[in-house]
Each structure stands twice: as C-alpha cells, then as structure tokens.
Amino acid sequence: MNEFFNDLEPYIRKLERIIGLSFKVFIITSIVVVSLGIYVANLLYGNHSLEVLNNLKKEKKTLEVEIESLKEENAKLHKKYLEWTDAEK
C-alpha cells in the first residue's frame, strides 16, 4: 500500500503545481462544490422544491376564485330562500 502512495506522489505534486493548491484542499473544495450543487438541485427539483411551491400558489389562487364564486352563489340562494319564506307568510 505504501508503494502505491509513493508511486502516486509525483503525480500529486505535479497536480498541485498545476492547480496551485494542495491536493487535500482541492479534494475538499471539490467535495463542497459538488455537495452544494446537489443541494441546490434538490431545492429546485426535489419534493420540497420551487416547482412544488409555484404549483401550490396556483392551486391557492384557483381555490380562492372558487370560494368567491361559491359565496356569490350562496348569497343568491340565500336571497331566494328569504324571498320564499316571506312569500309563505
């Protein structure tokens, strides 16, 4: 196992010179960037995503419109009911 790391050491040093960072910093930075990418993708497309939020907002607007139309219909029916009860007297 030690021979494996000894064989990789020149390549790691060359990579460090090319990227200007130590190998550990490069790996840690790469892991952080990939993790943040996965997190943002989950926010945009996951179960609790922006798309779901927008769909819920649309559904809320639709339900509010339906509530208003039902209130109007209820008012008309209540008016008819009151007219009917007055006519019976």
PDB file of N, CA and C in Angstrom:
ATOM      1  N   MET A   1       0.826  -1.187   0.000  1.00  0.00           N
ATOM      2  CA  MET A   1       0.000   0.000   0.000  1.00  0.00           C
ATOM      3  C   MET A   1       0.872   1.252   0.000  1.00  0.00           C
ATOM      4  N   ASN A   2       1.952   1.189   0.727  1.00  0.00           N
ATOM      5  CA  ASN A   2       2.858   2.332   0.791  1.00  0.00           C
ATOM      6  C   ASN A   2       3.490   2.595  -0.572  1.00  0.00           C
ATOM      7  N   GLU A   3       3.748   1.526  -1.327  1.00  0.00           N
ATOM      8  CA  GLU A   3       4.311   1.683  -2.669  1.00  0.00           C
ATOM      9  C   GLU A   3       3.321   2.411  -3.588  1.00  0.00           C
ATOM     10  N   PHE A   4       2.061   2.127  -3.386  1.00  0.00           N
ATOM     11  CA  PHE A   4       1.031   2.773  -4.194  1.00  0.00           C
ATOM     12  C   PHE A   4       1.081   4.288  -4.001  1.00  0.00           C
ATOM     13  N   PHE A   5       1.140   4.730  -2.747  1.00  0.00           N
ATOM     14  CA  PHE A   5       1.205   6.166  -2.471  1.00  0.00           C
ATOM     15  C   PHE A   5       2.518   6.770  -2.945  1.00  0.00           C
ATOM     16  N   ASN A   6       3.599   6.007  -2.843  1.00  0.00           N
ATOM     17  CA  ASN A   6       4.886   6.501  -3.338  1.00  0.00           C
ATOM     18  C   ASN A   6       4.852   6.665  -4.856  1.00  0.00           C
ATOM     19  N   ASP A   7       4.159   5.766  -5.542  1.00  0.00           N
ATOM     20  CA  ASP A   7       4.032   5.876  -6.996  1.00  0.00           C
ATOM     21  C   ASP A   7       3.161   7.075  -7.395  1.00  0.00           C
ATOM     22  N   LEU A   8       2.164   7.390  -6.584  1.00  0.00           N
ATOM     23  CA  LEU A   8       1.256   8.495  -6.892  1.00  0.00           C
ATOM     24  C   LEU A   8       1.823   9.859  -6.515  1.00  0.00           C
ATOM     25  N   GLU A   9       2.789   9.885  -5.638  1.00  0.00           N
ATOM     26  CA  GLU A   9       3.298  11.158  -5.128  1.00  0.00           C
ATOM     27  C   GLU A   9       3.784  12.109  -6.213  1.00  0.00           C
ATOM     28  N   PRO A  10       4.534  11.668  -7.224  1.00  0.00           N
ATOM     29  CA  PRO A  10       4.945  12.619  -8.269  1.00  0.00           C
ATOM     30  C   PRO A  10       3.754  13.205  -9.037  1.00  0.00           C
ATOM     31  N   TYR A  11       2.754  12.399  -9.264  1.00  0.00           N
ATOM     32  CA  TYR A  11       1.560  12.883  -9.965  1.00  0.00           C
ATOM     33  C   TYR A  11       0.791  13.891  -9.111  1.00  0.00           C
ATOM     34  N   ILE A  12       0.726  13.620  -7.825  1.00  0.00           N
ATOM     35  CA  ILE A  12       0.043  14.541  -6.914  1.00  0.00           C
ATOM     36  C   ILE A  12       0.786  15.866  -6.859  1.00  0.00           C
ATOM     37  N   ARG A  13       2.109  15.826  -6.776  1.00  0.00           N
ATOM     38  CA  ARG A  13       2.912  17.062  -6.738  1.00  0.00           C
ATOM     39  C   ARG A  13       2.731  17.859  -8.041  1.00  0.00           C
ATOM     40  N   LYS A  14       2.713  17.146  -9.175  1.00  0.00           N
ATOM     41  CA  LYS A  14       2.525  17.818 -10.457  1.00  0.00           C
ATOM     42  C   LYS A  14       1.142  18.475 -10.512  1.00  0.00           C
ATOM     43  N   LEU A  15       0.130  17.766 -10.028  1.00  0.00           N
ATOM     44  CA  LEU A  15      -1.228  18.303  -9.984  1.00  0.00           C
ATOM     45  C   LEU A  15      -1.295  19.522  -9.071  1.00  0.00           C
ATOM     46  N   GLU A  16      -0.605  19.466  -7.947  1.00  0.00           N
ATOM     47  CA  GLU A  16      -0.584  20.608  -7.027  1.00  0.00           C
ATOM     48  C   GLU A  16       0.043  21.830  -7.685  1.00  0.00           C
ATOM     49  N   ARG A  17       1.087  21.636  -8.478  1.00  0.00           N
ATOM     50  CA  ARG A  17       1.710  22.755  -9.174  1.00  0.00           C
ATOM     51  C   ARG A  17       0.775  23.331 -10.239  1.00  0.00           C
ATOM     52  N   ILE A  18       0.038  22.451 -10.907  1.00  0.00           N
ATOM     53  CA  ILE A  18      -0.863  22.903 -11.974  1.00  0.00           C
ATOM     54  C   ILE A  18      -2.033  23.706 -11.402  1.00  0.00           C
ATOM     55  N   ILE A  19      -2.679  23.183 -10.370  1.00  0.00           N
ATOM     56  CA  ILE A  19      -3.867  23.863  -9.835  1.00  0.00           C
ATOM     57  C   ILE A  19      -3.520  24.928  -8.807  1.00  0.00           C
ATOM     58  N   GLY A  20      -2.318  24.945  -8.312  1.00  0.00           N
ATOM     59  CA  GLY A  20      -1.891  25.965  -7.365  1.00  0.00           C
ATOM     60  C   GLY A  20      -2.398  25.755  -5.952  1.00  0.00           C
ATOM     61  N   LEU A  21      -2.927  24.600  -5.667  1.00  0.00           N
ATOM     62  CA  LEU A  21      -3.429  24.272  -4.335  1.00  0.00           C
ATOM     63  C   LEU A  21      -2.864  22.932  -3.904  1.00  0.00           C
ATOM     64  N   SER A  22      -2.933  22.687  -2.615  1.00  0.00           N
ATOM     65  CA  SER A  22      -2.546  21.354  -2.173  1.00  0.00           C
ATOM     66  C   SER A  22      -3.639  20.373  -2.589  1.00  0.00           C
ATOM     67  N   PHE A  23      -3.282  19.134  -2.688  1.00  0.00           N
ATOM     68  CA  PHE A  23      -4.214  18.101  -3.139  1.00  0.00           C
ATOM     69  C   PHE A  23      -5.399  17.991  -2.182  1.00  0.00           C
ATOM     70  N   LYS A  24      -5.133  18.090  -0.877  1.00  0.00           N
ATOM     71  CA  LYS A  24      -6.208  17.978   0.116  1.00  0.00           C
ATOM     72  C   LYS A  24      -7.202  19.131  -0.025  1.00  0.00           C
ATOM     73  N   VAL A  25      -6.686  20.335  -0.211  1.00  0.00           N
ATOM     74  CA  VAL A  25      -7.569  21.494  -0.377  1.00  0.00           C
ATOM     75  C   VAL A  25      -8.400  21.341  -1.642  1.00  0.00           C
ATOM     76  N   PHE A  26      -7.798  20.849  -2.697  1.00  0.00           N
ATOM     77  CA  PHE A  26      -8.517  20.639  -3.955  1.00  0.00           C
ATOM     78  C   PHE A  26      -9.640  19.625  -3.776  1.00  0.00           C
ATOM     79  N   ILE A  27      -9.354  18.520  -3.118  1.00  0.00           N
ATOM     80  CA  ILE A  27     -10.365  17.476  -2.908  1.00  0.00           C
ATOM     81  C   ILE A  27     -11.496  18.006  -2.027  1.00  0.00           C
ATOM     82  N   ILE A  28     -11.147  18.691  -0.945  1.00  0.00           N
ATOM     83  CA  ILE A  28     -12.172  19.218  -0.042  1.00  0.00           C
ATOM     84  C   ILE A  28     -13.036  20.254  -0.761  1.00  0.00           C
ATOM     85  N   THR A  29     -12.406  21.135  -1.521  1.00  0.00           N
ATOM     86  CA  THR A  29     -13.155  22.142  -2.279  1.00  0.00           C
ATOM     87  C   THR A  29     -14.075  21.480  -3.301  1.00  0.00           C
ATOM     88  N   SER A  30     -13.581  20.457  -3.963  1.00  0.00           N
ATOM     89  CA  SER A  30     -14.406  19.736  -4.943  1.00  0.00           C
ATOM     90  C   SER A  30     -15.610  19.093  -4.276  1.00  0.00           C
ATOM     91  N   ILE A  31     -15.398  18.489  -3.123  1.00  0.00           N
ATOM     92  CA  ILE A  31     -16.498  17.846  -2.403  1.00  0.00           C
ATOM     93  C   ILE A  31     -17.532  18.882  -1.978  1.00  0.00           C
ATOM     94  N   VAL A  32     -17.081  20.030  -1.492  1.00  0.00           N
ATOM     95  CA  VAL A  32     -18.001  21.093  -1.072  1.00  0.00           C
ATOM     96  C   VAL A  32     -18.806  21.606  -2.266  1.00  0.00           C
ATOM     97  N   VAL A  33     -18.151  21.822  -3.392  1.00  0.00           N
ATOM     98  CA  VAL A  33     -18.843  22.333  -4.584  1.00  0.00           C
ATOM     99  C   VAL A  33     -19.881  21.328  -5.086  1.00  0.00           C
ATOM    100  N   VAL A  34     -19.517  20.062  -5.128  1.00  0.00           N
ATOM    101  CA  VAL A  34     -20.463  19.032  -5.578  1.00  0.00           C
ATOM    102  C   VAL A  34     -21.634  18.935  -4.604  1.00  0.00           C
ATOM    103  N   SER A  35     -21.347  18.997  -3.307  1.00  0.00           N
ATOM    104  CA  SER A  35     -22.416  18.929  -2.302  1.00  0.00           C
ATOM    105  C   SER A  35     -23.377  20.101  -2.440  1.00  0.00           C
ATOM    106  N   LEU A  36     -22.845  21.297  -2.632  1.00  0.00           N
ATOM    107  CA  LEU A  36     -23.710  22.461  -2.822  1.00  0.00           C
ATOM    108  C   LEU A  36     -24.538  22.334  -4.101  1.00  0.00           C
ATOM    109  N   GLY A  37     -23.947  21.786  -5.144  1.00  0.00           N
ATOM    110  CA  GLY A  37     -24.685  21.567  -6.386  1.00  0.00           C
ATOM    111  C   GLY A  37     -25.844  20.612  -6.196  1.00  0.00           C
ATOM    112  N   ILE A  38     -25.599  19.540  -5.467  1.00  0.00           N
ATOM    113  CA  ILE A  38     -26.662  18.575  -5.187  1.00  0.00           C
ATOM    114  C   ILE A  38     -27.754  19.223  -4.344  1.00  0.00           C
ATOM    115  N   TYR A  39     -27.361  20.026  -3.368  1.00  0.00           N
ATOM    116  CA  TYR A  39     -28.325  20.708  -2.500  1.00  0.00           C
ATOM    117  C   TYR A  39     -29.209  21.667  -3.304  1.00  0.00           C
ATOM    118  N   VAL A  40     -28.595  22.460  -4.161  1.00  0.00           N
ATOM    119  CA  VAL A  40     -29.354  23.417  -4.975  1.00  0.00           C
ATOM    120  C   VAL A  40     -30.276  22.676  -5.943  1.00  0.00           C
ATOM    121  N   ALA A  41     -29.795  21.598  -6.539  1.00  0.00           N
ATOM    122  CA  ALA A  41     -30.639  20.811  -7.443  1.00  0.00           C
ATOM    123  C   ALA A  41     -31.835  20.236  -6.692  1.00  0.00           C
ATOM    124  N   ASN A  42     -31.604  19.798  -5.466  1.00  0.00           N
ATOM    125  CA  ASN A  42     -32.701  19.269  -4.658  1.00  0.00           C
ATOM    126  C   ASN A  42     -33.703  20.370  -4.318  1.00  0.00           C
ATOM    127  N   LEU A  43     -33.206  21.566  -4.045  1.00  0.00           N
ATOM    128  CA  LEU A  43     -34.116  22.684  -3.777  1.00  0.00           C
ATOM    129  C   LEU A  43     -34.979  23.002  -4.988  1.00  0.00           C
ATOM    130  N   LEU A  44     -34.395  22.936  -6.165  1.00  0.00           N
ATOM    131  CA  LEU A  44     -35.128  23.300  -7.372  1.00  0.00           C
ATOM    132  C   LEU A  44     -36.045  22.194  -7.877  1.00  0.00           C
ATOM    133  N   TYR A  45     -35.637  20.937  -7.728  1.00  0.00           N
ATOM    134  CA  TYR A  45     -36.379  19.848  -8.359  1.00  0.00           C
ATOM    135  C   TYR A  45     -36.839  18.763  -7.398  1.00  0.00           C
ATOM    136  N   GLY A  46     -36.585  18.881  -6.106  1.00  0.00           N
ATOM    137  CA  GLY A  46     -36.939  17.840  -5.144  1.00  0.00           C
ATOM    138  C   GLY A  46     -38.389  17.913  -4.702  1.00  0.00           C
ATOM    139  N   ASN A  47     -38.712  17.143  -3.653  1.00  0.00           N
ATOM    140  CA  ASN A  47     -40.080  17.088  -3.138  1.00  0.00           C
ATOM    141  C   ASN A  47     -40.535  18.414  -2.542  1.00  0.00           C
ATOM    142  N   HIS A  48     -39.611  19.187  -2.022  1.00  0.00           N
ATOM    143  CA  HIS A  48     -39.942  20.477  -1.423  1.00  0.00           C
ATOM    144  C   HIS A  48     -39.349  21.587  -2.278  1.00  0.00           C
ATOM    145  N   SER A  49     -39.597  21.499  -3.535  1.00  0.00           N
ATOM    146  CA  SER A  49     -38.901  22.362  -4.483  1.00  0.00           C
ATOM    147  C   SER A  49     -39.668  23.636  -4.787  1.00  0.00           C
ATOM    148  N   LEU A  50     -39.011  24.467  -5.535  1.00  0.00           N
ATOM    149  CA  LEU A  50     -39.604  25.712  -6.005  1.00  0.00           C
ATOM    150  C   LEU A  50     -40.789  25.425  -6.925  1.00  0.00           C
ATOM    151  N   GLU A  51     -40.682  24.377  -7.702  1.00  0.00           N
ATOM    152  CA  GLU A  51     -41.771  23.997  -8.610  1.00  0.00           C
ATOM    153  C   GLU A  51     -43.027  23.622  -7.822  1.00  0.00           C
ATOM    154  N   VAL A  52     -42.846  22.875  -6.740  1.00  0.00           N
ATOM    155  CA  VAL A  52     -43.980  22.496  -5.896  1.00  0.00           C
ATOM    156  C   VAL A  52     -44.604  23.739  -5.275  1.00  0.00           C
ATOM    157  N   LEU A  53     -43.760  24.665  -4.828  1.00  0.00           N
ATOM    158  CA  LEU A  53     -44.256  25.912  -4.246  1.00  0.00           C
ATOM    159  C   LEU A  53     -45.089  26.694  -5.253  1.00  0.00           C
ATOM    160  N   ASN A  54     -44.611  26.799  -6.480  1.00  0.00           N
ATOM    161  CA  ASN A  54     -45.363  27.519  -7.512  1.00  0.00           C
ATOM    162  C   ASN A  54     -46.685  26.835  -7.822  1.00  0.00           C
ATOM    163  N   ASN A  55     -46.681  25.506  -7.871  1.00  0.00           N
ATOM    164  CA  ASN A  55     -47.928  24.771  -8.119  1.00  0.00           C
ATOM    165  C   ASN A  55     -48.930  25.008  -6.993  1.00  0.00           C
ATOM    166  N   LEU A  56     -48.429  25.036  -5.757  1.00  0.00           N
ATOM    167  CA  LEU A  56     -49.326  25.289  -4.631  1.00  0.00           C
ATOM    168  C   LEU A  56     -49.892  26.708  -4.671  1.00  0.00           C
ATOM    169  N   LYS A  57     -49.095  27.665  -5.107  1.00  0.00           N
ATOM    170  CA  LYS A  57     -49.595  29.040  -5.234  1.00  0.00           C
ATOM    171  C   LYS A  57     -50.700  29.117  -6.286  1.00  0.00           C
ATOM    172  N   LYS A  58     -50.502  28.413  -7.415  1.00  0.00           N
ATOM    173  CA  LYS A  58     -51.535  28.393  -8.457  1.00  0.00           C
ATOM    174  C   LYS A  58     -52.813  27.748  -7.934  1.00  0.00           C
ATOM    175  N   GLU A  59     -52.657  26.645  -7.209  1.00  0.00           N
ATOM    176  CA  GLU A  59     -53.818  25.952  -6.654  1.00  0.00           C
ATOM    177  C   GLU A  59     -54.543  26.847  -5.646  1.00  0.00           C
ATOM    178  N   LYS A  60     -53.788  27.599  -4.864  1.00  0.00           N
ATOM    179  CA  LYS A  60     -54.395  28.517  -3.894  1.00  0.00           C
ATOM    180  C   LYS A  60     -55.229  29.576  -4.604  1.00  0.00           C
ATOM    181  N   LYS A  61     -54.686  30.135  -5.693  1.00  0.00           N
ATOM    182  CA  LYS A  61     -55.436  31.146  -6.448  1.00  0.00           C
ATOM    183  C   LYS A  61     -56.719  30.552  -7.020  1.00  0.00           C
ATOM    184  N   THR A  62     -56.626  29.343  -7.555  1.00  0.00           N
ATOM    185  CA  THR A  62     -57.798  28.672  -8.115  1.00  0.00           C
ATOM    186  C   THR A  62     -58.857  28.459  -7.043  1.00  0.00           C
ATOM    187  N   LEU A  63     -58.422  28.012  -5.875  1.00  0.00           N
ATOM    188  CA  LEU A  63     -59.373  27.780  -4.791  1.00  0.00           C
ATOM    189  C   LEU A  63     -59.992  29.083  -4.294  1.00  0.00           C
ATOM    190  N   GLU A  64     -59.215  30.158  -4.271  1.00  0.00           N
ATOM    191  CA  GLU A  64     -59.768  31.451  -3.860  1.00  0.00           C
ATOM    192  C   GLU A  64     -60.845  31.919  -4.832  1.00  0.00           C
ATOM    193  N   VAL A  65     -60.622  31.722  -6.128  1.00  0.00           N
ATOM    194  CA  VAL A  65     -61.629  32.088  -7.134  1.00  0.00           C
ATOM    195  C   VAL A  65     -62.883  31.238  -6.944  1.00  0.00           C
ATOM    196  N   GLU A  66     -62.699  29.952  -6.705  1.00  0.00           N
ATOM    197  CA  GLU A  66     -63.838  29.058  -6.496  1.00  0.00           C
ATOM    198  C   GLU A  66     -64.611  29.452  -5.235  1.00  0.00           C
ATOM    199  N   ILE A  67     -63.898  29.837  -4.188  1.00  0.00           N
ATOM    200  CA  ILE A  67     -64.555  30.271  -2.949  1.00  0.00           C
ATOM    201  C   ILE A  67     -65.415  31.503  -3.204  1.00  0.00           C
ATOM    202  N   GLU A  68     -64.883  32.448  -3.956  1.00  0.00           N
ATOM    203  CA  GLU A  68     -65.644  33.664  -4.255  1.00  0.00           C
ATOM    204  C   GLU A  68     -66.905  33.348  -5.052  1.00  0.00           C
ATOM    205  N   SER A  69     -66.795  32.465  -6.035  1.00  0.00           N
ATOM    206  CA  SER A  69     -67.982  32.127  -6.833  1.00  0.00           C
ATOM    207  C   SER A  69     -69.005  31.385  -5.977  1.00  0.00           C
ATOM    208  N   LEU A  70     -68.543  30.535  -5.067  1.00  0.00           N
ATOM    209  CA  LEU A  70     -69.479  29.832  -4.186  1.00  0.00           C
ATOM    210  C   LEU A  70     -70.136  30.788  -3.196  1.00  0.00           C
ATOM    211  N   LYS A  71     -69.403  31.795  -2.747  1.00  0.00           N
ATOM    212  CA  LYS A  71     -70.002  32.806  -1.861  1.00  0.00           C
ATOM    213  C   LYS A  71     -71.104  33.568  -2.593  1.00  0.00           C
ATOM    214  N   GLU A  72     -70.844  33.928  -3.855  1.00  0.00           N
ATOM    215  CA  GLU A  72     -71.856  34.635  -4.645  1.00  0.00           C
ATOM    216  C   GLU A  72     -73.089  33.763  -4.853  1.00  0.00           C
ATOM    217  N   GLU A  73     -72.852  32.498  -5.172  1.00  0.00           N
ATOM    218  CA  GLU A  73     -73.967  31.571  -5.374  1.00  0.00           C
ATOM    219  C   GLU A  73     -74.753  31.396  -4.075  1.00  0.00           C
ATOM    220  N   ASN A  74     -74.033  31.316  -2.970  1.00  0.00           N
ATOM    221  CA  ASN A  74     -74.690  31.174  -1.672  1.00  0.00           C
ATOM    222  C   ASN A  74     -75.540  32.403  -1.352  1.00  0.00           C
ATOM    223  N   ALA A  75     -75.016  33.582  -1.676  1.00  0.00           N
ATOM    224  CA  ALA A  75     -75.775  34.809  -1.427  1.00  0.00           C
ATOM    225  C   ALA A  75     -77.060  34.828  -2.260  1.00  0.00           C
ATOM    226  N   LYS A  76     -76.978  34.417  -3.521  1.00  0.00           N
ATOM    227  CA  LYS A  76     -78.169  34.375  -4.382  1.00  0.00           C
ATOM    228  C   LYS A  76     -79.197  33.384  -3.841  1.00  0.00           C
ATOM    229  N   LEU A  77     -78.723  32.202  -3.443  1.00  0.00           N
ATOM    230  CA  LEU A  77     -79.640  31.188  -2.921  1.00  0.00           C
ATOM    231  C   LEU A  77     -80.250  31.632  -1.599  1.00  0.00           C
ATOM    232  N   HIS A  78     -79.464  32.309  -0.775  1.00  0.00           N
ATOM    233  CA  HIS A  78     -79.990  32.808   0.497  1.00  0.00           C
ATOM    234  C   HIS A  78     -81.067  33.869   0.254  1.00  0.00           C
ATOM    235  N   LYS A  79     -80.827  34.706  -0.748  1.00  0.00           N
ATOM    236  CA  LYS A  79     -81.812  35.729  -1.103  1.00  0.00           C
ATOM    237  C   LYS A  79     -83.110  35.070  -1.571  1.00  0.00           C
ATOM    238  N   LYS A  80     -82.988  34.032  -2.423  1.00  0.00           N
ATOM    239  CA  LYS A  80     -84.178  33.309  -2.888  1.00  0.00           C
ATOM    240  C   LYS A  80     -84.904  32.660  -1.717  1.00  0.00           C
ATOM    241  N   TYR A  81     -84.147  32.109  -0.790  1.00  0.00           N
ATOM    242  CA  TYR A  81     -84.747  31.466   0.379  1.00  0.00           C
ATOM    243  C   TYR A  81     -85.524  32.476   1.213  1.00  0.00           C
ATOM    244  N   LEU A  82     -84.910  33.648   1.435  1.00  0.00           N
ATOM    245  CA  LEU A  82     -85.605  34.675   2.214  1.00  0.00           C
ATOM    246  C   LEU A  82     -86.857  35.157   1.492  1.00  0.00           C
ATOM    247  N   GLU A  83     -86.794  35.306   0.171  1.00  0.00           N
ATOM    248  CA  GLU A  83     -87.975  35.697  -0.605  1.00  0.00           C
ATOM    249  C   GLU A  83     -89.055  34.628  -0.511  1.00  0.00           C
ATOM    250  N   TRP A  84     -88.653  33.379  -0.542  1.00  0.00           N
ATOM    251  CA  TRP A  84     -89.602  32.273  -0.464  1.00  0.00           C
ATOM    252  C   TRP A  84     -90.271  32.224   0.908  1.00  0.00           C
ATOM    253  N   THR A  85     -89.470  32.428   1.973  1.00  0.00           N
ATOM    254  CA  THR A  85     -90.070  32.410   3.311  1.00  0.00           C
ATOM    255  C   THR A  85     -90.990  33.613   3.517  1.00  0.00           C
ATOM    256  N   ASP A  86     -90.635  34.762   2.940  1.00  0.00           N
ATOM    257  CA  ASP A  86     -91.514  35.932   3.033  1.00  0.00           C
ATOM    258  C   ASP A  86     -92.803  35.704   2.245  1.00  0.00           C
ATOM    259  N   ALA A  87     -92.719  35.025   1.127  1.00  0.00           N
ATOM    260  CA  ALA A  87     -93.901  34.766   0.300  1.00  0.00           C
ATOM    261  C   ALA A  87     -94.852  33.807   1.000  1.00  0.00           C
ATOM    262  N   GLU A  88     -94.350  32.912   1.820  1.00  0.00           N
ATOM    263  CA  GLU A  88     -95.202  31.958   2.526  1.00  0.00           C
ATOM    264  C   GLU A  88     -95.986  32.625   3.645  1.00  0.00           C
ATOM    265  N   LYS A  89     -95.503  33.724   4.163  1.00  0.00           N
ATOM    266  CA  LYS A  89     -96.191  34.387   5.277  1.00  0.00           C
ATOM    267  C   LYS A  89     -97.395  35.104   4.845  1.00  0.00           C
TER     268      LYS A  89
END
